[in-house]
């Protein structure tokens, strides 16, 4: 990276900061603009909440399907020990379940945060 690029990056960063600050001050000083900005933010939060809820629902369905499939494989592997289902170790399955559980928890936390933010 040459020095001209660094200088341009710093200059652009400063301009973004000054522009952001000016926009915030204008919004705070103008009641109508402030209300419009708050309304737009609430709409955006509502859209994101719906989007994340849908994503959470899909993830939850995938997790259920995975667990159902795994349980069925476990049942069939007990009756047929040489089947491919028995090649996965309990640690592998446990790790996959843990990862899916963490994803669900994260999505639920994000959804709750957005719901609380929307209320305030």
PDB file of N, CA and C in Angstrom:
ATOM      1  N   UNK A   1       0.862  -1.170   0.000  1.00  0.00           N
ATOM      2  CA  UNK A   1       0.000   0.000   0.000  1.00  0.00           C
ATOM      3  C   UNK A   1       0.905   1.228   0.000  1.00  0.00           C
ATOM      4  N   UNK A   2       0.702   2.111  -0.940  1.00  0.00           N
ATOM      5  CA  UNK A   2       1.564   3.288  -0.996  1.00  0.00           C
ATOM      6  C   UNK A   2       1.007   4.404  -0.113  1.00  0.00           C
ATOM      7  N   UNK A   3       1.829   5.421   0.080  1.00  0.00           N
ATOM      8  CA  UNK A   3       1.457   6.490   1.014  1.00  0.00           C
ATOM      9  C   UNK A   3       0.272   7.317   0.511  1.00  0.00           C
ATOM     10  N   UNK A   4       0.119   7.446  -0.816  1.00  0.00           N
ATOM     11  CA  UNK A   4      -1.034   8.182  -1.353  1.00  0.00           C
ATOM     12  C   UNK A   4      -2.347   7.498  -0.981  1.00  0.00           C
ATOM     13  N   UNK A   5      -2.356   6.192  -1.046  1.00  0.00           N
ATOM     14  CA  UNK A   5      -3.559   5.440  -0.697  1.00  0.00           C
ATOM     15  C   UNK A   5      -3.895   5.603   0.780  1.00  0.00           C
ATOM     16  N   UNK A   6      -2.893   5.568   1.626  1.00  0.00           N
ATOM     17  CA  UNK A   6      -3.098   5.737   3.062  1.00  0.00           C
ATOM     18  C   UNK A   6      -3.643   7.129   3.356  1.00  0.00           C
ATOM     19  N   UNK A   7      -3.072   8.136   2.711  1.00  0.00           N
ATOM     20  CA  UNK A   7      -3.527   9.516   2.919  1.00  0.00           C
ATOM     21  C   UNK A   7      -4.975   9.656   2.456  1.00  0.00           C
ATOM     22  N   UNK A   8      -5.293   9.079   1.306  1.00  0.00           N
ATOM     23  CA  UNK A   8      -6.665   9.148   0.802  1.00  0.00           C
ATOM     24  C   UNK A   8      -7.636   8.432   1.743  1.00  0.00           C
ATOM     25  N   UNK A   9      -7.211   7.308   2.281  1.00  0.00           N
ATOM     26  CA  UNK A   9      -8.052   6.557   3.210  1.00  0.00           C
ATOM     27  C   UNK A   9      -8.312   7.359   4.484  1.00  0.00           C
ATOM     28  N   UNK A  10      -7.282   7.979   5.009  1.00  0.00           N
ATOM     29  CA  UNK A  10      -7.427   8.804   6.215  1.00  0.00           C
ATOM     30  C   UNK A  10      -8.318  10.005   5.924  1.00  0.00           C
ATOM     31  N   UNK A  11      -8.095  10.641   4.775  1.00  0.00           N
ATOM     32  CA  UNK A  11      -8.908  11.795   4.398  1.00  0.00           C
ATOM     33  C   UNK A  11     -10.377  11.403   4.240  1.00  0.00           C
ATOM     34  N   UNK A  12     -10.616  10.287   3.594  1.00  0.00           N
ATOM     35  CA  UNK A  12     -11.997   9.838   3.417  1.00  0.00           C
ATOM     36  C   UNK A  12     -12.623   9.500   4.772  1.00  0.00           C
ATOM     37  N   UNK A  13     -11.878   8.876   5.651  1.00  0.00           N
ATOM     38  CA  UNK A  13     -12.389   8.542   6.981  1.00  0.00           C
ATOM     39  C   UNK A  13     -12.773   9.798   7.749  1.00  0.00           C
ATOM     40  N   UNK A  14     -11.944  10.818   7.657  1.00  0.00           N
ATOM     41  CA  UNK A  14     -12.248  12.079   8.337  1.00  0.00           C
ATOM     42  C   UNK A  14     -13.511  12.708   7.753  1.00  0.00           C
ATOM     43  N   UNK A  15     -13.632  12.681   6.441  1.00  0.00           N
ATOM     44  CA  UNK A  15     -14.819  13.254   5.791  1.00  0.00           C
ATOM     45  C   UNK A  15     -16.087  12.498   6.197  1.00  0.00           C
ATOM     46  N   UNK A  16     -15.976  11.182   6.271  1.00  0.00           N
ATOM     47  CA  UNK A  16     -17.130  10.383   6.698  1.00  0.00           C
ATOM     48  C   UNK A  16     -17.516  10.766   8.125  1.00  0.00           C
ATOM     49  N   UNK A  17     -16.533  10.904   8.996  1.00  0.00           N
ATOM     50  CA  UNK A  17     -16.803  11.282  10.383  1.00  0.00           C
ATOM     51  C   UNK A  17     -17.447  12.651  10.495  1.00  0.00           C
ATOM     52  N   UNK A  18     -16.921  13.614   9.748  1.00  0.00           N
ATOM     53  CA  UNK A  18     -17.481  14.968   9.774  1.00  0.00           C
ATOM     54  C   UNK A  18     -18.887  14.974   9.176  1.00  0.00           C
ATOM     55  N   UNK A  19     -19.067  14.259   8.078  1.00  0.00           N
ATOM     56  CA  UNK A  19     -20.378  14.192   7.440  1.00  0.00           C
ATOM     57  C   UNK A  19     -21.408  13.523   8.348  1.00  0.00           C
ATOM     58  N   UNK A  20     -21.005  12.467   9.012  1.00  0.00           N
ATOM     59  CA  UNK A  20     -21.895  11.777   9.943  1.00  0.00           C
ATOM     60  C   UNK A  20     -22.288  12.708  11.081  1.00  0.00           C
ATOM     61  N   UNK A  21     -21.313  13.390  11.644  1.00  0.00           N
ATOM     62  CA  UNK A  21     -21.581  14.311  12.748  1.00  0.00           C
ATOM     63  C   UNK A  21     -22.528  15.422  12.312  1.00  0.00           C
ATOM     64  N   UNK A  22     -22.295  15.980  11.130  1.00  0.00           N
ATOM     65  CA  UNK A  22     -23.166  17.039  10.614  1.00  0.00           C
ATOM     66  C   UNK A  22     -24.591  16.525  10.422  1.00  0.00           C
ATOM     67  N   UNK A  23     -24.729  15.317   9.898  1.00  0.00           N
ATOM     68  CA  UNK A  23     -26.060  14.732   9.694  1.00  0.00           C
ATOM     69  C   UNK A  23     -26.777  14.519  11.017  1.00  0.00           C
ATOM     70  N   UNK A  24     -26.049  14.030  12.026  1.00  0.00           N
ATOM     71  CA  UNK A  24     -26.655  13.814  13.339  1.00  0.00           C
ATOM     72  C   UNK A  24     -27.119  15.141  13.932  1.00  0.00           C
ATOM     73  N   UNK A  25     -26.279  16.180  13.842  1.00  0.00           N
ATOM     74  CA  UNK A  25     -26.652  17.487  14.380  1.00  0.00           C
ATOM     75  C   UNK A  25     -27.860  18.067  13.661  1.00  0.00           C
ATOM     76  N   UNK A  26     -27.888  17.945  12.331  1.00  0.00           N
ATOM     77  CA  UNK A  26     -29.042  18.437  11.569  1.00  0.00           C
ATOM     78  C   UNK A  26     -30.314  17.703  11.988  1.00  0.00           C
ATOM     79  N   UNK A  27     -30.200  16.402  12.167  1.00  0.00           N
ATOM     80  CA  UNK A  27     -31.359  15.600  12.556  1.00  0.00           C
ATOM     81  C   UNK A  27     -31.854  15.994  13.941  1.00  0.00           C
ATOM     82  N   UNK A  28     -30.941  16.208  14.863  1.00  0.00           N
ATOM     83  CA  UNK A  28     -31.319  16.577  16.220  1.00  0.00           C
ATOM     84  C   UNK A  28     -31.969  17.962  16.282  1.00  0.00           C
ATOM     85  N   UNK A  29     -31.520  18.873  15.440  1.00  0.00           N
ATOM     86  CA  UNK A  29     -32.034  20.238  15.461  1.00  0.00           C
ATOM     87  C   UNK A  29     -33.390  20.363  14.762  1.00  0.00           C
ATOM     88  N   UNK A  30     -33.661  19.491  13.811  1.00  0.00           N
ATOM     89  CA  UNK A  30     -34.908  19.561  13.043  1.00  0.00           C
ATOM     90  C   UNK A  30     -35.854  18.468  13.536  1.00  0.00           C
ATOM     91  N   UNK A  31     -36.921  18.885  14.210  1.00  0.00           N
ATOM     92  CA  UNK A  31     -37.870  17.932  14.787  1.00  0.00           C
ATOM     93  C   UNK A  31     -38.507  17.018  13.757  1.00  0.00           C
ATOM     94  N   UNK A  32     -38.881  17.582  12.614  1.00  0.00           N
ATOM     95  CA  UNK A  32     -39.516  16.783  11.570  1.00  0.00           C
ATOM     96  C   UNK A  32     -38.529  15.744  11.025  1.00  0.00           C
ATOM     97  N   UNK A  33     -37.315  16.179  10.790  1.00  0.00           N
ATOM     98  CA  UNK A  33     -36.291  15.261  10.272  1.00  0.00           C
ATOM     99  C   UNK A  33     -35.974  14.186  11.313  1.00  0.00           C
ATOM    100  N   UNK A  34     -35.944  14.583  12.584  1.00  0.00           N
ATOM    101  CA  UNK A  34     -35.675  13.632  13.672  1.00  0.00           C
ATOM    102  C   UNK A  34     -36.760  12.557  13.698  1.00  0.00           C
ATOM    103  N   UNK A  35     -38.026  12.981  13.617  1.00  0.00           N
ATOM    104  CA  UNK A  35     -39.131  12.025  13.616  1.00  0.00           C
ATOM    105  C   UNK A  35     -39.077  11.095  12.407  1.00  0.00           C
ATOM    106  N   UNK A  36     -38.713  11.653  11.270  1.00  0.00           N
ATOM    107  CA  UNK A  36     -38.606  10.856  10.056  1.00  0.00           C
ATOM    108  C   UNK A  36     -37.485   9.823  10.200  1.00  0.00           C
ATOM    109  N   UNK A  37     -36.355  10.249  10.742  1.00  0.00           N
ATOM    110  CA  UNK A  37     -35.225   9.337  10.925  1.00  0.00           C
ATOM    111  C   UNK A  37     -35.578   8.222  11.902  1.00  0.00           C
ATOM    112  N   UNK A  38     -36.236   8.569  12.987  1.00  0.00           N
ATOM    113  CA  UNK A  38     -36.650   7.562  13.972  1.00  0.00           C
ATOM    114  C   UNK A  38     -37.627   6.579  13.335  1.00  0.00           C
ATOM    115  N   UNK A  39     -38.542   7.090  12.550  1.00  0.00           N
ATOM    116  CA  UNK A  39     -39.518   6.240  11.863  1.00  0.00           C
ATOM    117  C   UNK A  39     -38.816   5.275  10.902  1.00  0.00           C
ATOM    118  N   UNK A  40     -37.846   5.799  10.155  1.00  0.00           N
ATOM    119  CA  UNK A  40     -37.103   4.955   9.214  1.00  0.00           C
ATOM    120  C   UNK A  40     -36.317   3.868   9.957  1.00  0.00           C
ATOM    121  N   UNK A  41     -35.720   4.242  11.080  1.00  0.00           N
ATOM    122  CA  UNK A  41     -34.981   3.260  11.875  1.00  0.00           C
ATOM    123  C   UNK A  41     -35.914   2.175  12.421  1.00  0.00           C
ATOM    124  N   UNK A  42     -37.089   2.572  12.883  1.00  0.00           N
ATOM    125  CA  UNK A  42     -38.044   1.598  13.391  1.00  0.00           C
ATOM    126  C   UNK A  42     -38.497   0.641  12.288  1.00  0.00           C
ATOM    127  N   UNK A  43     -38.709   1.172  11.094  1.00  0.00           N
ATOM    128  CA  UNK A  43     -39.085   0.325   9.964  1.00  0.00           C
ATOM    129  C   UNK A  43     -37.973  -0.659   9.627  1.00  0.00           C
ATOM    130  N   UNK A  44     -36.746  -0.164   9.632  1.00  0.00           N
ATOM    131  CA  UNK A  44     -35.599  -1.022   9.326  1.00  0.00           C
ATOM    132  C   UNK A  44     -35.453  -2.122  10.377  1.00  0.00           C
ATOM    133  N   UNK A  45     -35.630  -1.762  11.644  1.00  0.00           N
ATOM    134  CA  UNK A  45     -35.547  -2.749  12.719  1.00  0.00           C
ATOM    135  C   UNK A  45     -36.646  -3.791  12.560  1.00  0.00           C
ATOM    136  N   UNK A  46     -37.846  -3.342  12.208  1.00  0.00           N
ATOM    137  CA  UNK A  46     -38.959  -4.274  12.011  1.00  0.00           C
ATOM    138  C   UNK A  46     -38.659  -5.244  10.861  1.00  0.00           C
ATOM    139  N   UNK A  47     -38.095  -4.720   9.769  1.00  0.00           N
ATOM    140  CA  UNK A  47     -37.739  -5.576   8.632  1.00  0.00           C
ATOM    141  C   UNK A  47     -36.679  -6.596   9.038  1.00  0.00           C
ATOM    142  N   UNK A  48     -35.650  -6.131   9.746  1.00  0.00           N
ATOM    143  CA  UNK A  48     -34.588  -7.040  10.184  1.00  0.00           C
ATOM    144  C   UNK A  48     -35.126  -8.084  11.154  1.00  0.00           C
ATOM    145  N   UNK A  49     -36.030  -7.674  12.032  1.00  0.00           N
ATOM    146  CA  UNK A  49     -36.621  -8.609  12.981  1.00  0.00           C
ATOM    147  C   UNK A  49     -37.346  -9.721  12.237  1.00  0.00           C
ATOM    148  N   UNK A  50     -38.135  -9.346  11.237  1.00  0.00           N
ATOM    149  CA  UNK A  50     -38.851 -10.343  10.440  1.00  0.00           C
ATOM    150  C   UNK A  50     -37.872 -11.246   9.695  1.00  0.00           C
ATOM    151  N   UNK A  51     -36.842 -10.650   9.126  1.00  0.00           N
ATOM    152  CA  UNK A  51     -35.848 -11.414   8.380  1.00  0.00           C
ATOM    153  C   UNK A  51     -35.145 -12.419   9.297  1.00  0.00           C
ATOM    154  N   UNK A  52     -34.729 -11.967  10.484  1.00  0.00           N
ATOM    155  CA  UNK A  52     -34.020 -12.849  11.413  1.00  0.00           C
ATOM    156  C   UNK A  52     -34.949 -13.906  11.991  1.00  0.00           C
ATOM    157  N   UNK A  53     -36.210 -13.558  12.197  1.00  0.00           N
ATOM    158  CA  UNK A  53     -37.172 -14.550  12.692  1.00  0.00           C
ATOM    159  C   UNK A  53     -37.355 -15.660  11.654  1.00  0.00           C
ATOM    160  N   UNK A  54     -37.455 -15.273  10.394  1.00  0.00           N
ATOM    161  CA  UNK A  54     -37.587 -16.266   9.326  1.00  0.00           C
ATOM    162  C   UNK A  54     -36.334 -17.139   9.250  1.00  0.00           C
ATOM    163  N   UNK A  55     -35.186 -16.512   9.355  1.00  0.00           N
ATOM    164  CA  UNK A  55     -33.931 -17.260   9.323  1.00  0.00           C
ATOM    165  C   UNK A  55     -33.849 -18.206  10.525  1.00  0.00           C
ATOM    166  N   UNK A  56     -34.277 -17.736  11.668  1.00  0.00           N
ATOM    167  CA  UNK A  56     -34.280 -18.578  12.861  1.00  0.00           C
ATOM    168  C   UNK A  56     -35.210 -19.760  12.707  1.00  0.00           C
ATOM    169  N   UNK A  57     -36.359 -19.528  12.090  1.00  0.00           N
ATOM    170  CA  UNK A  57     -37.317 -20.601  11.866  1.00  0.00           C
ATOM    171  C   UNK A  57     -36.721 -21.659  10.940  1.00  0.00           C
ATOM    172  N   UNK A  58     -36.070 -21.221   9.879  1.00  0.00           N
ATOM    173  CA  UNK A  58     -35.433 -22.149   8.941  1.00  0.00           C
ATOM    174  C   UNK A  58     -34.335 -22.944   9.646  1.00  0.00           C
ATOM    175  N   UNK A  59     -33.529 -22.261  10.440  1.00  0.00           N
ATOM    176  CA  UNK A  59     -32.452 -22.931  11.162  1.00  0.00           C
ATOM    177  C   UNK A  59     -33.019 -23.953  12.147  1.00  0.00           C
ATOM    178  N   UNK A  60     -34.081 -23.560  12.820  1.00  0.00           N
ATOM    179  CA  UNK A  60     -34.715 -24.478  13.767  1.00  0.00           C
ATOM    180  C   UNK A  60     -35.253 -25.710  13.041  1.00  0.00           C
ATOM    181  N   UNK A  61     -35.873 -25.515  11.867  1.00  0.00           N
ATOM    182  CA  UNK A  61     -36.383 -26.639  11.088  1.00  0.00           C
ATOM    183  C   UNK A  61     -35.248 -27.558  10.651  1.00  0.00           C
ATOM    184  N   UNK A  62     -34.136 -26.953  10.206  1.00  0.00           N
ATOM    185  CA  UNK A  62     -32.979 -27.756   9.790  1.00  0.00           C
ATOM    186  C   UNK A  62     -32.429 -28.562  10.965  1.00  0.00           C
ATOM    187  N   UNK A  63     -32.392 -27.931  12.129  1.00  0.00           N
ATOM    188  CA  UNK A  63     -31.894 -28.628  13.311  1.00  0.00           C
ATOM    189  C   UNK A  63     -32.806 -29.800  13.656  1.00  0.00           C
ATOM    190  N   UNK A  64     -34.096 -29.582  13.578  1.00  0.00           N
ATOM    191  CA  UNK A  64     -35.044 -30.670  13.853  1.00  0.00           C
ATOM    192  C   UNK A  64     -34.883 -31.798  12.855  1.00  0.00           C
ATOM    193  N   UNK A  65     -34.784 -31.427  11.568  1.00  0.00           N
ATOM    194  CA  UNK A  65     -34.605 -32.446  10.533  1.00  0.00           C
ATOM    195  C   UNK A  65     -33.320 -33.236  10.782  1.00  0.00           C
ATOM    196  N   UNK A  66     -32.264 -32.522  11.136  1.00  0.00           N
ATOM    197  CA  UNK A  66     -30.994 -33.181  11.418  1.00  0.00           C
ATOM    198  C   UNK A  66     -31.139 -34.158  12.581  1.00  0.00           C
ATOM    199  N   UNK A  67     -31.776 -33.706  13.657  1.00  0.00           N
ATOM    200  CA  UNK A  67     -31.942 -34.565  14.824  1.00  0.00           C
ATOM    201  C   UNK A  67     -32.821 -35.774  14.505  1.00  0.00           C
ATOM    202  N   UNK A  68     -33.908 -35.551  13.767  1.00  0.00           N
ATOM    203  CA  UNK A  68     -34.771 -36.664  13.381  1.00  0.00           C
ATOM    204  C   UNK A  68     -34.008 -37.675  12.535  1.00  0.00           C
ATOM    205  N   UNK A  69     -33.253 -37.169  11.581  1.00  0.00           N
ATOM    206  CA  UNK A  69     -32.457 -38.041  10.710  1.00  0.00           C
ATOM    207  C   UNK A  69     -31.419 -38.804  11.528  1.00  0.00           C
ATOM    208  N   UNK A  70     -30.768 -38.104  12.420  1.00  0.00           N
ATOM    209  CA  UNK A  70     -29.752 -38.737  13.252  1.00  0.00           C
ATOM    210  C   UNK A  70     -30.369 -39.820  14.143  1.00  0.00           C
ATOM    211  N   UNK A  71     -31.510 -39.495  14.768  1.00  0.00           N
ATOM    212  CA  UNK A  71     -32.165 -40.485  15.626  1.00  0.00           C
ATOM    213  C   UNK A  71     -32.590 -41.712  14.825  1.00  0.00           C
ATOM    214  N   UNK A  72     -33.114 -41.490  13.625  1.00  0.00           N
ATOM    215  CA  UNK A  72     -33.489 -42.619  12.769  1.00  0.00           C
ATOM    216  C   UNK A  72     -32.265 -43.445  12.385  1.00  0.00           C
ATOM    217  N   UNK A  73     -31.149 -42.780  12.117  1.00  0.00           N
ATOM    218  CA  UNK A  73     -29.926 -43.497  11.782  1.00  0.00           C
ATOM    219  C   UNK A  73     -29.427 -44.303  12.975  1.00  0.00           C
ATOM    220  N   UNK A  74     -29.549 -43.728  14.163  1.00  0.00           N
ATOM    221  CA  UNK A  74     -29.128 -44.442  15.362  1.00  0.00           C
ATOM    222  C   UNK A  74     -29.975 -45.692  15.571  1.00  0.00           C
ATOM    223  N   UNK A  75     -31.272 -45.557  15.347  1.00  0.00           N
ATOM    224  CA  UNK A  75     -32.160 -46.718  15.483  1.00  0.00           C
ATOM    225  C   UNK A  75     -31.795 -47.799  14.475  1.00  0.00           C
ATOM    226  N   UNK A  76     -31.556 -47.356  13.221  1.00  0.00           N
ATOM    227  CA  UNK A  76     -31.239 -48.341  12.183  1.00  0.00           C
ATOM    228  C   UNK A  76     -29.839 -48.923  12.377  1.00  0.00           C
ATOM    229  N   UNK A  77     -28.916 -48.165  12.927  1.00  0.00           N
ATOM    230  CA  UNK A  77     -27.556 -48.691  13.128  1.00  0.00           C
ATOM    231  C   UNK A  77     -27.528 -49.723  14.249  1.00  0.00           C
ATOM    232  N   UNK A  78     -28.459 -49.650  15.193  1.00  0.00           N
ATOM    233  CA  UNK A  78     -28.532 -50.660  16.253  1.00  0.00           C
ATOM    234  C   UNK A  78     -29.007 -51.986  15.684  1.00  0.00           C
ATOM    235  N   UNK A  79     -29.885 -51.910  14.686  1.00  0.00           N
ATOM    236  CA  UNK A  79     -30.371 -53.145  14.077  1.00  0.00           C
ATOM    237  C   UNK A  79     -29.429 -53.641  12.988  1.00  0.00           C
ATOM    238  N   UNK A  80     -28.622 -52.740  12.421  1.00  0.00           N
ATOM    239  CA  UNK A  80     -27.676 -53.094  11.356  1.00  0.00           C
ATOM    240  C   UNK A  80     -26.338 -52.427  11.659  1.00  0.00           C
ATOM    241  N   UNK A  81     -25.470 -53.041  12.486  1.00  0.00           N
ATOM    242  CA  UNK A  81     -24.236 -52.401  12.947  1.00  0.00           C
ATOM    243  C   UNK A  81     -23.252 -52.020  11.849  1.00  0.00           C
ATOM    244  N   UNK A  82     -23.313 -52.604  10.679  1.00  0.00           N
ATOM    245  CA  UNK A  82     -22.360 -52.288   9.612  1.00  0.00           C
ATOM    246  C   UNK A  82     -22.800 -51.159   8.716  1.00  0.00           C
ATOM    247  N   UNK A  83     -23.888 -50.487   9.039  1.00  0.00           N
ATOM    248  CA  UNK A  83     -24.429 -49.436   8.170  1.00  0.00           C
ATOM    249  C   UNK A  83     -23.581 -48.171   8.253  1.00  0.00           C
ATOM    250  N   UNK A  84     -23.625 -47.317   7.202  1.00  0.00           N
ATOM    251  CA  UNK A  84     -22.835 -46.077   7.201  1.00  0.00           C
ATOM    252  C   UNK A  84     -23.204 -45.127   8.334  1.00  0.00           C
ATOM    253  N   UNK A  85     -24.408 -45.226   8.871  1.00  0.00           N
ATOM    254  CA  UNK A  85     -24.818 -44.333   9.948  1.00  0.00           C
ATOM    255  C   UNK A  85     -23.969 -44.535  11.188  1.00  0.00           C
ATOM    256  N   UNK A  86     -23.423 -45.730  11.343  1.00  0.00           N
ATOM    257  CA  UNK A  86     -22.640 -46.003  12.540  1.00  0.00           C
ATOM    258  C   UNK A  86     -21.209 -45.493  12.427  1.00  0.00           C
ATOM    259  N   UNK A  87     -20.815 -44.930  11.264  1.00  0.00           N
ATOM    260  CA  UNK A  87     -19.448 -44.443  11.093  1.00  0.00           C
ATOM    261  C   UNK A  87     -19.219 -43.093  11.769  1.00  0.00           C
ATOM    262  N   UNK A  88     -20.275 -42.315  11.989  1.00  0.00           N
ATOM    263  CA  UNK A  88     -20.130 -41.042  12.704  1.00  0.00           C
ATOM    264  C   UNK A  88     -19.990 -41.324  14.182  1.00  0.00           C
ATOM    265  N   UNK A  89     -19.048 -40.645  14.796  1.00  0.00           N
ATOM    266  CA  UNK A  89     -18.861 -40.857  16.233  1.00  0.00           C
ATOM    267  C   UNK A  89     -19.845 -39.998  17.010  1.00  0.00           C
ATOM    268  N   UNK A  90     -20.045 -40.368  18.248  1.00  0.00           N
ATOM    269  CA  UNK A  90     -20.932 -39.589  19.103  1.00  0.00           C
ATOM    270  C   UNK A  90     -20.377 -38.182  19.291  1.00  0.00           C
ATOM    271  N   UNK A  91     -19.056 -38.044  19.321  1.00  0.00           N
ATOM    272  CA  UNK A  91     -18.437 -36.723  19.475  1.00  0.00           C
ATOM    273  C   UNK A  91     -18.759 -35.834  18.277  1.00  0.00           C
ATOM    274  N   UNK A  92     -18.712 -36.412  17.050  1.00  0.00           N
ATOM    275  CA  UNK A  92     -19.044 -35.638  15.848  1.00  0.00           C
ATOM    276  C   UNK A  92     -20.484 -35.150  15.889  1.00  0.00           C
ATOM    277  N   UNK A  93     -21.372 -36.049  16.230  1.00  0.00           N
ATOM    278  CA  UNK A  93     -22.791 -35.708  16.294  1.00  0.00           C
ATOM    279  C   UNK A  93     -23.031 -34.689  17.404  1.00  0.00           C
ATOM    280  N   UNK A  94     -22.394 -34.912  18.538  1.00  0.00           N
ATOM    281  CA  UNK A  94     -22.544 -33.972  19.650  1.00  0.00           C
ATOM    282  C   UNK A  94     -22.057 -32.587  19.281  1.00  0.00           C
ATOM    283  N   UNK A  95     -20.955 -32.535  18.545  1.00  0.00           N
ATOM    284  CA  UNK A  95     -20.414 -31.247  18.121  1.00  0.00           C
ATOM    285  C   UNK A  95     -21.372 -30.551  17.145  1.00  0.00           C
ATOM    286  N   UNK A  96     -21.943 -31.301  16.215  1.00  0.00           N
ATOM    287  CA  UNK A  96     -22.894 -30.722  15.269  1.00  0.00           C
ATOM    288  C   UNK A  96     -24.135 -30.208  15.993  1.00  0.00           C
ATOM    289  N   UNK A  97     -24.613 -30.976  16.956  1.00  0.00           N
ATOM    290  CA  UNK A  97     -25.783 -30.555  17.733  1.00  0.00           C
ATOM    291  C   UNK A  97     -25.458 -29.286  18.507  1.00  0.00           C
ATOM    292  N   UNK A  98     -24.268 -29.228  19.107  1.00  0.00           N
ATOM    293  CA  UNK A  98     -23.853 -28.050  19.861  1.00  0.00           C
ATOM    294  C   UNK A  98     -23.789 -26.815  18.961  1.00  0.00           C
ATOM    295  N   UNK A  99     -23.242 -26.974  17.757  1.00  0.00           N
ATOM    296  CA  UNK A  99     -23.154 -25.852  16.821  1.00  0.00           C
ATOM    297  C   UNK A  99     -24.545 -25.353  16.426  1.00  0.00           C
ATOM    298  N   UNK A 100     -25.443 -26.272  16.138  1.00  0.00           N
ATOM    299  CA  UNK A 100     -26.808 -25.869  15.772  1.00  0.00           C
ATOM    300  C   UNK A 100     -27.513 -25.195  16.947  1.00  0.00           C
ATOM    301  N   UNK A 101     -27.295 -25.712  18.128  1.00  0.00           N
ATOM    302  CA  UNK A 101     -27.895 -25.116  19.320  1.00  0.00           C
ATOM    303  C   UNK A 101     -27.378 -23.698  19.522  1.00  0.00           C
ATOM    304  N   UNK A 102     -26.087 -23.493  19.343  1.00  0.00           N
ATOM    305  CA  UNK A 102     -25.506 -22.157  19.492  1.00  0.00           C
ATOM    306  C   UNK A 102     -26.069 -21.195  18.457  1.00  0.00           C
ATOM    307  N   UNK A 103     -26.273 -21.672  17.227  1.00  0.00           N
ATOM    308  CA  UNK A 103     -26.862 -20.810  16.193  1.00  0.00           C
ATOM    309  C   UNK A 103     -28.277 -20.390  16.587  1.00  0.00           C
ATOM    310  N   UNK A 104     -29.043 -21.333  17.081  1.00  0.00           N
ATOM    311  CA  UNK A 104     -30.421 -21.029  17.486  1.00  0.00           C
ATOM    312  C   UNK A 104     -30.424 -20.025  18.629  1.00  0.00           C
ATOM    313  N   UNK A 105     -29.540 -20.228  19.606  1.00  0.00           N
ATOM    314  CA  UNK A 105     -29.461 -19.310  20.745  1.00  0.00           C
ATOM    315  C   UNK A 105     -29.105 -17.913  20.273  1.00  0.00           C
ATOM    316  N   UNK A 106     -28.117 -17.810  19.385  1.00  0.00           N
ATOM    317  CA  UNK A 106     -27.693 -16.506  18.872  1.00  0.00           C
ATOM    318  C   UNK A 106     -28.831 -15.812  18.136  1.00  0.00           C
ATOM    319  N   UNK A 107     -29.531 -16.541  17.302  1.00  0.00           N
ATOM    320  CA  UNK A 107     -30.645 -15.950  16.566  1.00  0.00           C
ATOM    321  C   UNK A 107     -31.750 -15.485  17.506  1.00  0.00           C
ATOM    322  N   UNK A 108     -32.040 -16.276  18.525  1.00  0.00           N
ATOM    323  CA  UNK A 108     -33.074 -15.874  19.484  1.00  0.00           C
ATOM    324  C   UNK A 108     -32.651 -14.633  20.258  1.00  0.00           C
ATOM    325  N   UNK A 109     -31.369 -14.546  20.632  1.00  0.00           N
ATOM    326  CA  UNK A 109     -30.883 -13.365  21.353  1.00  0.00           C
ATOM    327  C   UNK A 109     -30.984 -12.124  20.479  1.00  0.00           C
ATOM    328  N   UNK A 110     -30.611 -12.248  19.208  1.00  0.00           N
ATOM    329  CA  UNK A 110     -30.707 -11.115  18.293  1.00  0.00           C
ATOM    330  C   UNK A 110     -32.159 -10.681  18.129  1.00  0.00           C
ATOM    331  N   UNK A 111     -33.050 -11.649  18.032  1.00  0.00           N
ATOM    332  CA  UNK A 111     -34.461 -11.346  17.884  1.00  0.00           C
ATOM    333  C   UNK A 111     -35.008 -10.645  19.123  1.00  0.00           C
ATOM    334  N   UNK A 112     -34.657 -11.128  20.298  1.00  0.00           N
ATOM    335  CA  UNK A 112     -35.106 -10.491  21.539  1.00  0.00           C
ATOM    336  C   UNK A 112     -34.551  -9.070  21.654  1.00  0.00           C
ATOM    337  N   UNK A 113     -33.289  -8.890  21.285  1.00  0.00           N
ATOM    338  CA  UNK A 113     -32.676  -7.567  21.335  1.00  0.00           C
ATOM    339  C   UNK A 113     -33.439  -6.596  20.436  1.00  0.00           C
ATOM    340  N   UNK A 114     -33.762  -7.047  19.246  1.00  0.00           N
ATOM    341  CA  UNK A 114     -34.478  -6.190  18.304  1.00  0.00           C
ATOM    342  C   UNK A 114     -35.891  -5.900  18.787  1.00  0.00           C
ATOM    343  N   UNK A 115     -36.523  -6.880  19.395  1.00  0.00           N
ATOM    344  CA  UNK A 115     -37.866  -6.644  19.940  1.00  0.00           C
ATOM    345  C   UNK A 115     -37.814  -5.605  21.055  1.00  0.00           C
ATOM    346  N   UNK A 116     -36.832  -5.724  21.934  1.00  0.00           N
ATOM    347  CA  UNK A 116     -36.690  -4.758  23.026  1.00  0.00           C
ATOM    348  C   UNK A 116     -36.361  -3.372  22.480  1.00  0.00           C
ATOM    349  N   UNK A 117     -35.498  -3.326  21.493  1.00  0.00           N
ATOM    350  CA  UNK A 117     -35.114  -2.043  20.898  1.00  0.00           C
ATOM    351  C   UNK A 117     -36.308  -1.393  20.205  1.00  0.00           C
ATOM    352  N   UNK A 118     -37.146  -2.211  19.597  1.00  0.00           N
ATOM    353  CA  UNK A 118     -38.322  -1.696  18.913  1.00  0.00           C
ATOM    354  C   UNK A 118     -39.310  -1.104  19.904  1.00  0.00           C
ATOM    355  N   UNK A 119     -39.401  -1.702  21.090  1.00  0.00           N
ATOM    356  CA  UNK A 119     -40.320  -1.204  22.120  1.00  0.00           C
ATOM    357  C   UNK A 119     -39.892   0.148  22.644  1.00  0.00           C
ATOM    358  N   UNK A 120     -38.589   0.392  22.706  1.00  0.00           N
ATOM    359  CA  UNK A 120     -38.110   1.654  23.288  1.00  0.00           C
ATOM    360  C   UNK A 120     -38.002   2.761  22.314  1.00  0.00           C
TER     361      UNK A 120
END
